[in-house]
Amino acid sequence: MGSTSSVWNIISWVFGALVFTIGVMNMVLVHPVPGIIYFLLSFIYFPPAYSLLTERFDFSIAAIVRIIMGIVIVWFTLGVSDLGDMIDKM
């Protein structure tokens, strides 16, 4: 069970970094509002921040919801948002 936990931990860190990067790129290249939203959403993927959220506010998000939300974030960023258009032009 320890190896499964460490795999999910690594995936959470990588995906948190990806959403954080999308947030920073949106703040710099597109508009601050979606950038701030992505930036804040990235913290539900970082294990220490998620554990603080769960502990402090007694609020947790199911893993499947976080996975689906992550897929939607990446899909929206690359397919629909202005940032996706900028990436295509590079």
Protein backbone atom coordinates (compact mmCIF):
# COMPACT_ATOMS: atom_id res chain seq x y z
CA MET A 1 0.00 0.00 0.00
CA GLY A 2 2.95 2.33 0.55
CA SER A 3 4.04 2.27 -3.10
CA THR A 4 0.53 3.13 -4.32
CA SER A 5 0.44 6.06 -1.94
CA SER A 6 3.81 7.33 -3.14
CA VAL A 7 2.74 7.03 -6.80
CA TRP A 8 -0.38 9.10 -6.13
CA ASN A 9 1.75 11.57 -4.18
CA ILE A 10 4.11 12.03 -7.14
CA ILE A 11 1.20 12.35 -9.57
CA SER A 12 -0.37 14.98 -7.29
CA TRP A 13 2.85 17.00 -7.16
CA VAL A 14 3.34 16.85 -10.93
CA PHE A 15 -0.25 17.79 -11.69
CA GLY A 16 -0.19 20.56 -9.06
CA ALA A 17 2.92 21.97 -10.73
CA LEU A 18 1.22 21.75 -14.14
CA VAL A 19 -1.90 23.62 -12.98
CA PHE A 20 0.28 26.13 -11.12
CA THR A 21 2.28 26.75 -14.30
CA ILE A 22 -0.92 27.17 -16.31
CA GLY A 23 -2.06 29.73 -13.73
CA VAL A 24 1.18 31.69 -13.89
CA MET A 25 1.17 31.64 -17.71
CA ASN A 26 -2.42 32.88 -17.74
CA MET A 27 -1.56 35.69 -15.32
CA VAL A 28 1.37 36.82 -17.44
CA LEU A 29 0.17 36.17 -20.98
CA VAL A 30 -3.64 36.31 -20.96
CA HIS A 31 -5.46 37.89 -18.04
CA PRO A 32 -4.99 37.87 -14.26
CA VAL A 33 -8.48 36.56 -13.37
CA PRO A 34 -8.24 33.07 -14.92
CA GLY A 35 -4.61 32.95 -13.85
CA ILE A 36 -5.53 33.54 -10.22
CA ILE A 37 -8.29 30.92 -10.42
CA TYR A 38 -5.89 28.31 -11.85
CA PHE A 39 -3.27 29.34 -9.30
CA LEU A 40 -5.70 28.75 -6.43
CA LEU A 41 -6.99 25.50 -7.93
CA SER A 42 -3.45 24.18 -8.11
CA PHE A 43 -3.29 23.99 -4.32
CA ILE A 44 -5.86 21.16 -4.18
CA TYR A 45 -3.30 19.01 -6.00
CA PHE A 46 -0.28 19.71 -3.76
CA PRO A 47 -0.43 17.13 -0.93
CA PRO A 48 0.58 19.49 1.94
CA ALA A 49 -1.89 22.17 0.86
CA TYR A 50 -4.66 19.63 0.36
CA SER A 51 -4.03 18.12 3.77
CA LEU A 52 -4.14 21.61 5.33
CA LEU A 53 -7.42 22.30 3.53
CA THR A 54 -8.86 19.02 4.77
CA GLU A 55 -7.62 19.54 8.31
CA ARG A 56 -8.46 23.20 8.76
CA PHE A 57 -11.81 23.42 6.99
CA ASP A 58 -12.91 19.80 7.44
CA PHE A 59 -13.49 19.71 3.70
CA SER A 60 -12.23 17.10 1.29
CA ILE A 61 -12.64 16.50 -2.41
CA ALA A 62 -12.87 12.95 -3.69
CA ALA A 63 -9.91 11.78 -5.74
CA ILE A 64 -12.07 11.08 -8.79
CA VAL A 65 -13.44 14.64 -8.69
CA ARG A 66 -9.90 16.04 -8.55
CA ILE A 67 -8.88 13.83 -11.48
CA ILE A 68 -11.88 14.87 -13.58
CA MET A 69 -11.36 18.52 -12.67
CA GLY A 70 -7.70 18.25 -13.67
CA ILE A 71 -8.59 16.76 -17.05
CA VAL A 72 -11.13 19.54 -17.61
CA ILE A 73 -8.56 22.20 -16.64
CA VAL A 74 -5.98 20.89 -19.13
CA TRP A 75 -8.62 20.34 -21.84
CA PHE A 76 -10.03 23.84 -21.36
CA THR A 77 -6.59 25.44 -21.33
CA LEU A 78 -5.34 23.73 -24.47
CA GLY A 79 -8.62 23.62 -26.40
CA VAL A 80 -10.71 26.65 -25.56
CA SER A 81 -8.74 29.34 -23.76
CA ASP A 82 -6.62 32.14 -25.20
CA LEU A 83 -3.53 30.47 -23.75
CA GLY A 84 -4.12 27.44 -25.97
CA ASP A 85 -4.27 29.73 -29.01
CA MET A 86 -1.00 31.36 -27.98
CA ILE A 87 0.67 27.97 -27.63
CA ASP A 88 -0.54 26.96 -31.09
CA LYS A 89 1.01 30.09 -32.64
CA MET A 90 4.44 29.48 -31.11
